[in-house]
Amino acid sequence: MNKQNKIHSWVLASRPKTLPAAFVPVLVGSSLAYNQGKFYPLYSLIALICSLLIQIGTNFTNDLYDHLKGADTEKRKGPLRVLSAGLISPKEMKVAIAFVFGLTFLLGLYLVYVTDWKILLIGVFSIIAGLAYTAGPYPLAYHGLGDLFVFLFFGIIGTMGTYYLHHQEFTFISFLVSLPVGALITNILIINNYRDVEEDKQAGKNTLAVILGREFSRYEYIFFLLLAFFIPFILYFEFNFNAKIFLPYATLPVAIILVKMIFNYQGQQLNKTLEVSAKYSALYGIMFSAGMII
């Protein structure tokens, strides 16, 4: 394989379409920090790099261990996986995982230096969770805990942790603004698992979609959409945010389209739903952040 093709394979393995899961919590947490009167751009930039690296490292780990456990087969409906396609070897992926998470830890030490030990705990637990998602003796994704993992780490912890960098405190408002972030990023995973129910069941990967069924997944998805639209209402009426906090409501037509897609699409059609869900989480996050800044 030539160098250009190898680079393309690594880009493919990083799953660029999932990276809004890393971008949005840092954006929203930083926007709230700015809204509350204290913001350090460098802290947010490093936090964003660390968040992207954790997302990529988690994707690499997911690819490796799904391949080793036999969860990725020729029947897979989702995008191409580089290990099952023979584009990257397990040994190369293990080295890449160590490099990505190692670099994350080193960059994160600067954030620990400028804040305190709580950021160290957040960083270490985030890296461990990224590995434990599909690796280790009790892989979270294989025991119905993937949704909870994503909601906690890419929603609540990612957003509140970013806010903490600037203000050195965890607040109830930072918790509230983290909920739409976690909800819409979790919806990306819900679609992924909804699409792969049969394959995951055969591989012994007991996602919530496998355990509780596709109907549960559809209504879980809708619940998280409703949660995302409920939070601006709370912020406006209970915490005196101005009317611009309702800017995310402009995304309602896209949310309606997504609901129709999850009820009407099947098989590989759901790859489009997955893509739109990822873009929607980014769009909502940008609108939500704008509502706090302007």
C-alpha atoms as a PDB file:
ATOM      1  CA  MET A   1       0.000   0.000   0.000  1.00  0.00           C
ATOM      2  CA  ASN A   2       1.421   3.414  -0.926  1.00  0.00           C
ATOM      3  CA  LYS A   3       1.776   6.257   1.555  1.00  0.00           C
ATOM      4  CA  GLN A   4      -1.255   8.193   0.282  1.00  0.00           C
ATOM      5  CA  ASN A   5      -3.521   5.167   0.607  1.00  0.00           C
ATOM      6  CA  LYS A   6      -2.177   4.488   4.095  1.00  0.00           C
ATOM      7  CA  ILE A   7      -2.978   8.033   5.199  1.00  0.00           C
ATOM      8  CA  HIS A   8      -6.458   7.654   3.746  1.00  0.00           C
ATOM      9  CA  SER A   9      -6.887   4.439   5.749  1.00  0.00           C
ATOM     10  CA  TRP A  10      -5.957   6.201   8.995  1.00  0.00           C
ATOM     11  CA  VAL A  11      -8.341   9.066   8.217  1.00  0.00           C
ATOM     12  CA  LEU A  12     -11.059   6.480   7.581  1.00  0.00           C
ATOM     13  CA  ALA A  13     -10.252   4.758  10.884  1.00  0.00           C
ATOM     14  CA  SER A  14     -10.612   8.052  12.761  1.00  0.00           C
ATOM     15  CA  ARG A  15     -14.257   8.246  11.523  1.00  0.00           C
ATOM     16  CA  PRO A  16     -14.385  11.983  10.736  1.00  0.00           C
ATOM     17  CA  LYS A  17     -18.193  12.014  10.712  1.00  0.00           C
ATOM     18  CA  THR A  18     -18.225  11.153  14.443  1.00  0.00           C
ATOM     19  CA  LEU A  19     -15.884  13.966  15.472  1.00  0.00           C
ATOM     20  CA  PRO A  20     -18.675  16.443  16.321  1.00  0.00           C
ATOM     21  CA  ALA A  21     -18.902  14.311  19.477  1.00  0.00           C
ATOM     22  CA  ALA A  22     -15.544  15.802  20.471  1.00  0.00           C
ATOM     23  CA  PHE A  23     -16.078  19.335  19.156  1.00  0.00           C
ATOM     24  CA  VAL A  24     -19.499  20.197  20.586  1.00  0.00           C
ATOM     25  CA  PRO A  25     -18.877  19.725  24.354  1.00  0.00           C
ATOM     26  CA  VAL A  26     -15.797  21.961  24.222  1.00  0.00           C
ATOM     27  CA  LEU A  27     -17.659  24.591  22.180  1.00  0.00           C
ATOM     28  CA  VAL A  28     -20.670  24.659  24.501  1.00  0.00           C
ATOM     29  CA  GLY A  29     -18.600  24.567  27.713  1.00  0.00           C
ATOM     30  CA  SER A  30     -16.407  27.399  26.422  1.00  0.00           C
ATOM     31  CA  SER A  31     -19.424  29.458  25.364  1.00  0.00           C
ATOM     32  CA  LEU A  32     -20.951  29.174  28.824  1.00  0.00           C
ATOM     33  CA  ALA A  33     -17.617  30.171  30.367  1.00  0.00           C
ATOM     34  CA  TYR A  34     -17.602  33.280  28.142  1.00  0.00           C
ATOM     35  CA  ASN A  35     -21.235  33.989  29.043  1.00  0.00           C
ATOM     36  CA  GLN A  36     -20.361  33.810  32.729  1.00  0.00           C
ATOM     37  CA  GLY A  37     -17.535  36.322  32.369  1.00  0.00           C
ATOM     38  CA  LYS A  38     -14.288  34.353  32.235  1.00  0.00           C
ATOM     39  CA  PHE A  39     -12.734  32.709  29.167  1.00  0.00           C
ATOM     40  CA  TYR A  40      -9.180  31.650  28.230  1.00  0.00           C
ATOM     41  CA  PRO A  41      -8.917  30.722  24.527  1.00  0.00           C
ATOM     42  CA  LEU A  42      -5.732  28.641  24.932  1.00  0.00           C
ATOM     43  CA  TYR A  43      -7.372  26.400  27.549  1.00  0.00           C
ATOM     44  CA  SER A  44     -10.263  25.681  25.204  1.00  0.00           C
ATOM     45  CA  LEU A  45      -7.947  25.035  22.248  1.00  0.00           C
ATOM     46  CA  ILE A  46      -5.945  22.437  24.167  1.00  0.00           C
ATOM     47  CA  ALA A  47      -9.141  20.930  25.569  1.00  0.00           C
ATOM     48  CA  LEU A  48     -10.476  20.618  22.011  1.00  0.00           C
ATOM     49  CA  ILE A  49      -7.319  18.856  20.814  1.00  0.00           C
ATOM     50  CA  CYS A  50      -7.488  16.463  23.783  1.00  0.00           C
ATOM     51  CA  SER A  51     -11.189  15.810  23.176  1.00  0.00           C
ATOM     52  CA  LEU A  52     -10.585  15.060  19.486  1.00  0.00           C
ATOM     53  CA  LEU A  53      -7.727  12.721  20.381  1.00  0.00           C
ATOM     54  CA  ILE A  54      -9.869  10.863  22.918  1.00  0.00           C
ATOM     55  CA  GLN A  55     -12.620  10.467  20.310  1.00  0.00           C
ATOM     56  CA  ILE A  56     -10.134   9.196  17.727  1.00  0.00           C
ATOM     57  CA  GLY A  57      -8.493   6.880  20.261  1.00  0.00           C
ATOM     58  CA  THR A  58     -11.894   5.495  21.218  1.00  0.00           C
ATOM     59  CA  ASN A  59     -12.728   4.934  17.539  1.00  0.00           C
ATOM     60  CA  PHE A  60      -9.402   3.141  17.020  1.00  0.00           C
ATOM     61  CA  THR A  61     -10.019   0.955  20.076  1.00  0.00           C
ATOM     62  CA  ASN A  62     -13.558   0.223  18.916  1.00  0.00           C
ATOM     63  CA  ASP A  63     -12.292  -0.857  15.485  1.00  0.00           C
ATOM     64  CA  LEU A  64      -9.588  -3.068  16.959  1.00  0.00           C
ATOM     65  CA  TYR A  65     -11.660  -4.923  19.517  1.00  0.00           C
ATOM     66  CA  ASP A  66     -14.790  -5.236  17.385  1.00  0.00           C
ATOM     67  CA  HIS A  67     -12.489  -6.858  14.808  1.00  0.00           C
ATOM     68  CA  LEU A  68     -10.855  -9.157  17.343  1.00  0.00           C
ATOM     69  CA  LYS A  69     -14.216 -10.147  18.840  1.00  0.00           C
ATOM     70  CA  GLY A  70     -15.725 -10.847  15.420  1.00  0.00           C
ATOM     71  CA  ALA A  71     -18.334  -8.079  15.579  1.00  0.00           C
ATOM     72  CA  ASP A  72     -17.261  -6.682  12.188  1.00  0.00           C
ATOM     73  CA  THR A  73     -18.224  -9.102   9.454  1.00  0.00           C
ATOM     74  CA  GLU A  74     -18.929  -8.981   5.720  1.00  0.00           C
ATOM     75  CA  LYS A  75     -22.607  -8.517   6.634  1.00  0.00           C
ATOM     76  CA  ARG A  76     -21.862  -5.163   8.255  1.00  0.00           C
ATOM     77  CA  LYS A  77     -24.177  -2.383   7.034  1.00  0.00           C
ATOM     78  CA  GLY A  78     -22.077   0.499   8.285  1.00  0.00           C
ATOM     79  CA  PRO A  79     -19.052   2.215   6.730  1.00  0.00           C
ATOM     80  CA  LEU A  80     -15.927   0.217   5.953  1.00  0.00           C
ATOM     81  CA  ARG A  81     -13.816  -0.818   8.949  1.00  0.00           C
ATOM     82  CA  VAL A  82     -10.106  -0.700   8.208  1.00  0.00           C
ATOM     83  CA  LEU A  83      -9.029  -3.780  10.175  1.00  0.00           C
ATOM     84  CA  SER A  84     -11.655  -6.112   8.755  1.00  0.00           C
ATOM     85  CA  ALA A  85     -10.759  -4.790   5.294  1.00  0.00           C
ATOM     86  CA  GLY A  86      -7.062  -5.516   5.892  1.00  0.00           C
ATOM     87  CA  LEU A  87      -6.028  -1.872   5.395  1.00  0.00           C
ATOM     88  CA  ILE A  88      -4.420  -1.597   8.846  1.00  0.00           C
ATOM     89  CA  SER A  89      -3.033  -4.454  10.937  1.00  0.00           C
ATOM     90  CA  PRO A  90      -3.955  -5.086  14.611  1.00  0.00           C
ATOM     91  CA  LYS A  91      -0.324  -4.396  15.596  1.00  0.00           C
ATOM     92  CA  GLU A  92      -0.358  -1.021  13.818  1.00  0.00           C
ATOM     93  CA  MET A  93      -3.658  -0.129  15.472  1.00  0.00           C
ATOM     94  CA  LYS A  94      -2.353  -0.997  18.950  1.00  0.00           C
ATOM     95  CA  VAL A  95       0.623   1.309  18.413  1.00  0.00           C
ATOM     96  CA  ALA A  96      -1.688   4.076  17.174  1.00  0.00           C
ATOM     97  CA  ILE A  97      -3.980   3.699  20.205  1.00  0.00           C
ATOM     98  CA  ALA A  98      -1.006   3.981  22.588  1.00  0.00           C
ATOM     99  CA  PHE A  99       0.311   7.023  20.715  1.00  0.00           C
ATOM    100  CA  VAL A 100      -3.037   8.862  20.595  1.00  0.00           C
ATOM    101  CA  PHE A 101      -3.920   8.331  24.256  1.00  0.00           C
ATOM    102  CA  GLY A 102      -0.314   9.025  25.322  1.00  0.00           C
ATOM    103  CA  LEU A 103      -0.328  12.345  23.459  1.00  0.00           C
ATOM    104  CA  THR A 104      -3.699  13.172  25.033  1.00  0.00           C
ATOM    105  CA  PHE A 105      -2.250  12.608  28.500  1.00  0.00           C
ATOM    106  CA  LEU A 106       0.809  14.774  27.829  1.00  0.00           C
ATOM    107  CA  LEU A 107      -1.252  17.673  26.449  1.00  0.00           C
ATOM    108  CA  GLY A 108      -3.687  17.333  29.322  1.00  0.00           C
ATOM    109  CA  LEU A 109      -0.878  17.848  31.844  1.00  0.00           C
ATOM    110  CA  TYR A 110      -0.777  21.513  30.813  1.00  0.00           C
ATOM    111  CA  LEU A 111      -4.455  21.868  31.715  1.00  0.00           C
ATOM    112  CA  VAL A 112      -3.754  20.198  35.061  1.00  0.00           C
ATOM    113  CA  TYR A 113      -0.905  22.673  35.625  1.00  0.00           C
ATOM    114  CA  VAL A 114      -3.105  25.725  35.017  1.00  0.00           C
ATOM    115  CA  THR A 115      -6.055  24.377  37.036  1.00  0.00           C
ATOM    116  CA  ASP A 116      -5.849  21.522  39.557  1.00  0.00           C
ATOM    117  CA  TRP A 117      -5.970  17.766  40.165  1.00  0.00           C
ATOM    118  CA  LYS A 118      -9.658  17.494  39.249  1.00  0.00           C
ATOM    119  CA  ILE A 119      -8.765  17.941  35.577  1.00  0.00           C
ATOM    120  CA  LEU A 120      -6.211  15.130  35.932  1.00  0.00           C
ATOM    121  CA  LEU A 121      -8.958  12.838  37.219  1.00  0.00           C
ATOM    122  CA  ILE A 122     -11.286  13.830  34.374  1.00  0.00           C
ATOM    123  CA  GLY A 123      -8.566  13.194  31.799  1.00  0.00           C
ATOM    124  CA  VAL A 124      -7.448   9.857  33.211  1.00  0.00           C
ATOM    125  CA  PHE A 125     -11.001   8.556  33.598  1.00  0.00           C
ATOM    126  CA  SER A 126     -11.861   9.720  30.062  1.00  0.00           C
ATOM    127  CA  ILE A 127      -8.908   7.806  28.621  1.00  0.00           C
ATOM    128  CA  ILE A 128      -9.745   4.699  30.665  1.00  0.00           C
ATOM    129  CA  ALA A 129     -13.382   4.916  29.571  1.00  0.00           C
ATOM    130  CA  GLY A 130     -12.326   5.294  25.928  1.00  0.00           C
ATOM    131  CA  LEU A 131     -10.358   2.056  26.219  1.00  0.00           C
ATOM    132  CA  ALA A 132     -13.034   0.281  28.255  1.00  0.00           C
ATOM    133  CA  TYR A 133     -15.725   1.050  25.688  1.00  0.00           C
ATOM    134  CA  THR A 134     -14.865  -2.112  23.730  1.00  0.00           C
ATOM    135  CA  ALA A 135     -11.696  -3.421  25.450  1.00  0.00           C
ATOM    136  CA  GLY A 136     -10.909  -4.990  28.809  1.00  0.00           C
ATOM    137  CA  PRO A 137     -12.666  -7.665  30.866  1.00  0.00           C
ATOM    138  CA  TYR A 138     -16.041  -5.874  30.825  1.00  0.00           C
ATOM    139  CA  PRO A 139     -16.356  -3.852  27.595  1.00  0.00           C
ATOM    140  CA  LEU A 140     -19.068  -1.248  28.120  1.00  0.00           C
ATOM    141  CA  ALA A 141     -20.459  -1.391  24.576  1.00  0.00           C
ATOM    142  CA  TYR A 142     -20.971  -5.154  24.883  1.00  0.00           C
ATOM    143  CA  HIS A 143     -23.018  -4.870  28.075  1.00  0.00           C
ATOM    144  CA  GLY A 144     -25.590  -2.208  27.251  1.00  0.00           C
ATOM    145  CA  LEU A 145     -23.567   0.648  28.773  1.00  0.00           C
ATOM    146  CA  GLY A 146     -22.446   2.394  25.580  1.00  0.00           C
ATOM    147  CA  ASP A 147     -25.258   4.966  25.639  1.00  0.00           C
ATOM    148  CA  LEU A 148     -24.520   5.865  29.258  1.00  0.00           C
ATOM    149  CA  PHE A 149     -20.793   6.134  28.526  1.00  0.00           C
ATOM    150  CA  VAL A 150     -21.334   8.540  25.626  1.00  0.00           C
ATOM    151  CA  PHE A 151     -23.886  10.648  27.510  1.00  0.00           C
ATOM    152  CA  LEU A 152     -21.597  10.989  30.536  1.00  0.00           C
ATOM    153  CA  PHE A 153     -18.200  11.484  28.923  1.00  0.00           C
ATOM    154  CA  PHE A 154     -19.019  13.305  25.679  1.00  0.00           C
ATOM    155  CA  GLY A 155     -21.895  15.211  27.240  1.00  0.00           C
ATOM    156  CA  ILE A 156     -21.763  15.966  30.948  1.00  0.00           C
ATOM    157  CA  ILE A 157     -18.062  15.474  31.701  1.00  0.00           C
ATOM    158  CA  GLY A 158     -16.809  16.999  28.450  1.00  0.00           C
ATOM    159  CA  THR A 159     -18.948  20.125  28.793  1.00  0.00           C
ATOM    160  CA  MET A 160     -18.645  20.649  32.551  1.00  0.00           C
ATOM    161  CA  GLY A 161     -14.923  19.864  32.403  1.00  0.00           C
ATOM    162  CA  THR A 162     -14.389  22.540  29.750  1.00  0.00           C
ATOM    163  CA  TYR A 163     -16.319  25.075  31.823  1.00  0.00           C
ATOM    164  CA  TYR A 164     -14.242  24.117  34.882  1.00  0.00           C
ATOM    165  CA  LEU A 165     -11.015  25.023  33.066  1.00  0.00           C
ATOM    166  CA  HIS A 166     -12.103  28.659  33.007  1.00  0.00           C
ATOM    167  CA  HIS A 167     -13.971  29.063  36.291  1.00  0.00           C
ATOM    168  CA  GLN A 168     -12.556  26.289  38.538  1.00  0.00           C
ATOM    169  CA  GLU A 169     -16.025  25.291  39.664  1.00  0.00           C
ATOM    170  CA  PHE A 170     -18.766  22.879  38.706  1.00  0.00           C
ATOM    171  CA  THR A 171     -22.129  24.613  38.578  1.00  0.00           C
ATOM    172  CA  PHE A 172     -25.710  23.527  38.077  1.00  0.00           C
ATOM    173  CA  ILE A 173     -25.926  25.717  34.960  1.00  0.00           C
ATOM    174  CA  SER A 174     -22.904  23.964  33.438  1.00  0.00           C
ATOM    175  CA  PHE A 175     -24.672  20.669  34.167  1.00  0.00           C
ATOM    176  CA  LEU A 176     -27.843  21.879  32.449  1.00  0.00           C
ATOM    177  CA  VAL A 177     -26.082  23.046  29.289  1.00  0.00           C
ATOM    178  CA  SER A 178     -24.285  19.689  29.102  1.00  0.00           C
ATOM    179  CA  LEU A 179     -27.565  17.776  28.771  1.00  0.00           C
ATOM    180  CA  PRO A 180     -28.411  18.718  25.151  1.00  0.00           C
ATOM    181  CA  VAL A 181     -24.797  18.013  24.218  1.00  0.00           C
ATOM    182  CA  GLY A 182     -24.896  14.522  25.695  1.00  0.00           C
ATOM    183  CA  ALA A 183     -28.390  13.845  24.360  1.00  0.00           C
ATOM    184  CA  LEU A 184     -27.633  14.623  20.715  1.00  0.00           C
ATOM    185  CA  ILE A 185     -24.230  12.931  20.710  1.00  0.00           C
ATOM    186  CA  THR A 186     -25.791   9.816  22.253  1.00  0.00           C
ATOM    187  CA  ASN A 187     -28.320   9.857  19.410  1.00  0.00           C
ATOM    188  CA  ILE A 188     -25.422   9.243  16.996  1.00  0.00           C
ATOM    189  CA  LEU A 189     -24.640   6.014  18.851  1.00  0.00           C
ATOM    190  CA  ILE A 190     -28.324   5.075  19.061  1.00  0.00           C
ATOM    191  CA  ILE A 191     -28.613   5.164  15.264  1.00  0.00           C
ATOM    192  CA  ASN A 192     -25.425   3.138  14.897  1.00  0.00           C
ATOM    193  CA  ASN A 193     -26.698   0.437  17.249  1.00  0.00           C
ATOM    194  CA  TYR A 194     -30.229   0.567  15.819  1.00  0.00           C
ATOM    195  CA  ARG A 195     -28.816  -0.151  12.363  1.00  0.00           C
ATOM    196  CA  ASP A 196     -26.578  -3.005  13.563  1.00  0.00           C
ATOM    197  CA  VAL A 197     -29.015  -4.938  15.801  1.00  0.00           C
ATOM    198  CA  GLU A 198     -28.823  -8.251  13.927  1.00  0.00           C
ATOM    199  CA  GLU A 199     -25.044  -8.217  13.482  1.00  0.00           C
ATOM    200  CA  ASP A 200     -24.437  -7.168  17.100  1.00  0.00           C
ATOM    201  CA  LYS A 201     -26.778  -9.855  18.395  1.00  0.00           C
ATOM    202  CA  GLN A 202     -24.907 -12.541  16.453  1.00  0.00           C
ATOM    203  CA  ALA A 203     -21.555 -11.246  17.738  1.00  0.00           C
ATOM    204  CA  GLY A 204     -22.734 -11.167  21.362  1.00  0.00           C
ATOM    205  CA  LYS A 205     -22.535  -7.364  21.481  1.00  0.00           C
ATOM    206  CA  ASN A 206     -25.450  -6.568  23.775  1.00  0.00           C
ATOM    207  CA  THR A 207     -26.176  -2.940  23.062  1.00  0.00           C
ATOM    208  CA  LEU A 208     -29.368  -1.368  24.417  1.00  0.00           C
ATOM    209  CA  ALA A 209     -30.872  -1.819  20.945  1.00  0.00           C
ATOM    210  CA  VAL A 210     -30.179  -5.568  21.213  1.00  0.00           C
ATOM    211  CA  ILE A 211     -31.369  -5.874  24.820  1.00  0.00           C
ATOM    212  CA  LEU A 212     -34.489  -3.692  24.637  1.00  0.00           C
ATOM    213  CA  GLY A 213     -35.300  -3.744  20.928  1.00  0.00           C
ATOM    214  CA  ARG A 214     -35.578  -1.315  18.059  1.00  0.00           C
ATOM    215  CA  GLU A 215     -38.808   0.269  19.260  1.00  0.00           C
ATOM    216  CA  PHE A 216     -37.064   1.275  22.485  1.00  0.00           C
ATOM    217  CA  SER A 217     -34.213   2.788  20.452  1.00  0.00           C
ATOM    218  CA  ARG A 218     -36.619   4.892  18.383  1.00  0.00           C
ATOM    219  CA  TYR A 219     -38.254   6.370  21.465  1.00  0.00           C
ATOM    220  CA  GLU A 220     -34.929   6.789  23.244  1.00  0.00           C
ATOM    221  CA  TYR A 221     -33.828   8.858  20.244  1.00  0.00           C
ATOM    222  CA  ILE A 222     -36.974  10.999  20.392  1.00  0.00           C
ATOM    223  CA  PHE A 223     -36.607  11.459  24.164  1.00  0.00           C
ATOM    224  CA  PHE A 224     -33.110  12.861  23.724  1.00  0.00           C
ATOM    225  CA  LEU A 225     -34.321  15.241  21.011  1.00  0.00           C
ATOM    226  CA  LEU A 226     -37.044  16.507  23.349  1.00  0.00           C
ATOM    227  CA  LEU A 227     -34.524  16.901  26.182  1.00  0.00           C
ATOM    228  CA  ALA A 228     -32.325  19.049  23.940  1.00  0.00           C
ATOM    229  CA  PHE A 229     -35.253  21.358  23.164  1.00  0.00           C
ATOM    230  CA  PHE A 230     -36.379  21.554  26.793  1.00  0.00           C
ATOM    231  CA  ILE A 231     -33.117  22.915  28.246  1.00  0.00           C
ATOM    232  CA  PRO A 232     -33.187  26.385  26.564  1.00  0.00           C
ATOM    233  CA  PHE A 233     -36.674  26.826  28.036  1.00  0.00           C
ATOM    234  CA  ILE A 234     -35.288  26.148  31.539  1.00  0.00           C
ATOM    235  CA  LEU A 235     -32.325  28.470  31.021  1.00  0.00           C
ATOM    236  CA  TYR A 236     -34.587  31.320  29.880  1.00  0.00           C
ATOM    237  CA  PHE A 237     -37.260  31.091  32.546  1.00  0.00           C
ATOM    238  CA  GLU A 238     -35.219  29.958  35.553  1.00  0.00           C
ATOM    239  CA  PHE A 239     -31.727  31.388  34.985  1.00  0.00           C
ATOM    240  CA  ASN A 240     -32.392  34.687  33.205  1.00  0.00           C
ATOM    241  CA  PHE A 241     -30.682  33.921  29.896  1.00  0.00           C
ATOM    242  CA  ASN A 242     -31.872  36.236  27.130  1.00  0.00           C
ATOM    243  CA  ALA A 243     -34.156  35.184  24.291  1.00  0.00           C
ATOM    244  CA  LYS A 244     -31.204  34.304  22.045  1.00  0.00           C
ATOM    245  CA  ILE A 245     -30.905  31.073  24.015  1.00  0.00           C
ATOM    246  CA  PHE A 246     -33.814  29.859  21.873  1.00  0.00           C
ATOM    247  CA  LEU A 247     -31.674  29.965  18.703  1.00  0.00           C
ATOM    248  CA  PRO A 248     -31.430  26.126  18.666  1.00  0.00           C
ATOM    249  CA  TYR A 249     -35.196  26.024  18.051  1.00  0.00           C
ATOM    250  CA  ALA A 250     -34.395  27.034  14.469  1.00  0.00           C
ATOM    251  CA  THR A 251     -33.116  23.471  14.003  1.00  0.00           C
ATOM    252  CA  LEU A 252     -36.557  21.953  14.685  1.00  0.00           C
ATOM    253  CA  PRO A 253     -37.256  21.110  10.995  1.00  0.00           C
ATOM    254  CA  VAL A 254     -34.094  18.984  10.883  1.00  0.00           C
ATOM    255  CA  ALA A 255     -35.133  17.217  14.086  1.00  0.00           C
ATOM    256  CA  ILE A 256     -38.493  16.350  12.508  1.00  0.00           C
ATOM    257  CA  ILE A 257     -36.739  14.972   9.425  1.00  0.00           C
ATOM    258  CA  LEU A 258     -34.536  12.794  11.663  1.00  0.00           C
ATOM    259  CA  VAL A 259     -37.571  11.349  13.458  1.00  0.00           C
ATOM    260  CA  LYS A 260     -39.129  10.463  10.109  1.00  0.00           C
ATOM    261  CA  MET A 261     -35.869   8.859   9.005  1.00  0.00           C
ATOM    262  CA  ILE A 262     -35.549   6.611  12.040  1.00  0.00           C
ATOM    263  CA  PHE A 263     -39.118   5.372  11.590  1.00  0.00           C
ATOM    264  CA  ASN A 264     -38.876   4.854   7.816  1.00  0.00           C
ATOM    265  CA  TYR A 265     -35.259   3.935   7.004  1.00  0.00           C
ATOM    266  CA  GLN A 266     -33.733   0.474   7.230  1.00  0.00           C
ATOM    267  CA  GLY A 267     -30.360  -1.186   6.709  1.00  0.00           C
ATOM    268  CA  GLN A 268     -27.784   0.897   4.870  1.00  0.00           C
ATOM    269  CA  GLN A 269     -30.287   3.752   4.504  1.00  0.00           C
ATOM    270  CA  LEU A 270     -29.595   4.406   8.191  1.00  0.00           C
ATOM    271  CA  ASN A 271     -26.028   5.417   7.323  1.00  0.00           C
ATOM    272  CA  LYS A 272     -27.585   8.649   6.042  1.00  0.00           C
ATOM    273  CA  THR A 273     -29.518   9.032   9.299  1.00  0.00           C
ATOM    274  CA  LEU A 274     -26.258   8.532  11.186  1.00  0.00           C
ATOM    275  CA  GLU A 275     -24.525  11.197   9.125  1.00  0.00           C
ATOM    276  CA  VAL A 276     -27.368  13.695   9.543  1.00  0.00           C
ATOM    277  CA  SER A 277     -27.553  12.981  13.296  1.00  0.00           C
ATOM    278  CA  ALA A 278     -23.847  13.812  13.642  1.00  0.00           C
ATOM    279  CA  LYS A 279     -24.240  17.018  11.632  1.00  0.00           C
ATOM    280  CA  TYR A 280     -27.344  17.898  13.620  1.00  0.00           C
ATOM    281  CA  SER A 281     -25.506  17.594  16.952  1.00  0.00           C
ATOM    282  CA  ALA A 282     -22.913  20.021  15.583  1.00  0.00           C
ATOM    283  CA  LEU A 283     -25.559  22.413  14.210  1.00  0.00           C
ATOM    284  CA  TYR A 284     -27.481  22.451  17.476  1.00  0.00           C
ATOM    285  CA  GLY A 285     -24.255  22.935  19.421  1.00  0.00           C
ATOM    286  CA  ILE A 286     -23.265  25.920  17.286  1.00  0.00           C
ATOM    287  CA  MET A 287     -26.703  27.528  17.624  1.00  0.00           C
ATOM    288  CA  PHE A 288     -26.801  26.812  21.363  1.00  0.00           C
ATOM    289  CA  SER A 289     -23.336  28.332  21.818  1.00  0.00           C
ATOM    290  CA  ALA A 290     -24.268  31.365  19.732  1.00  0.00           C
ATOM    291  CA  GLY A 291     -27.267  31.903  21.974  1.00  0.00           C
ATOM    292  CA  MET A 292     -24.976  32.127  24.988  1.00  0.00           C
ATOM    293  CA  ILE A 293     -22.358  34.356  23.367  1.00  0.00           C
ATOM    294  CA  ILE A 294     -24.244  37.017  21.378  1.00  0.00           C
END
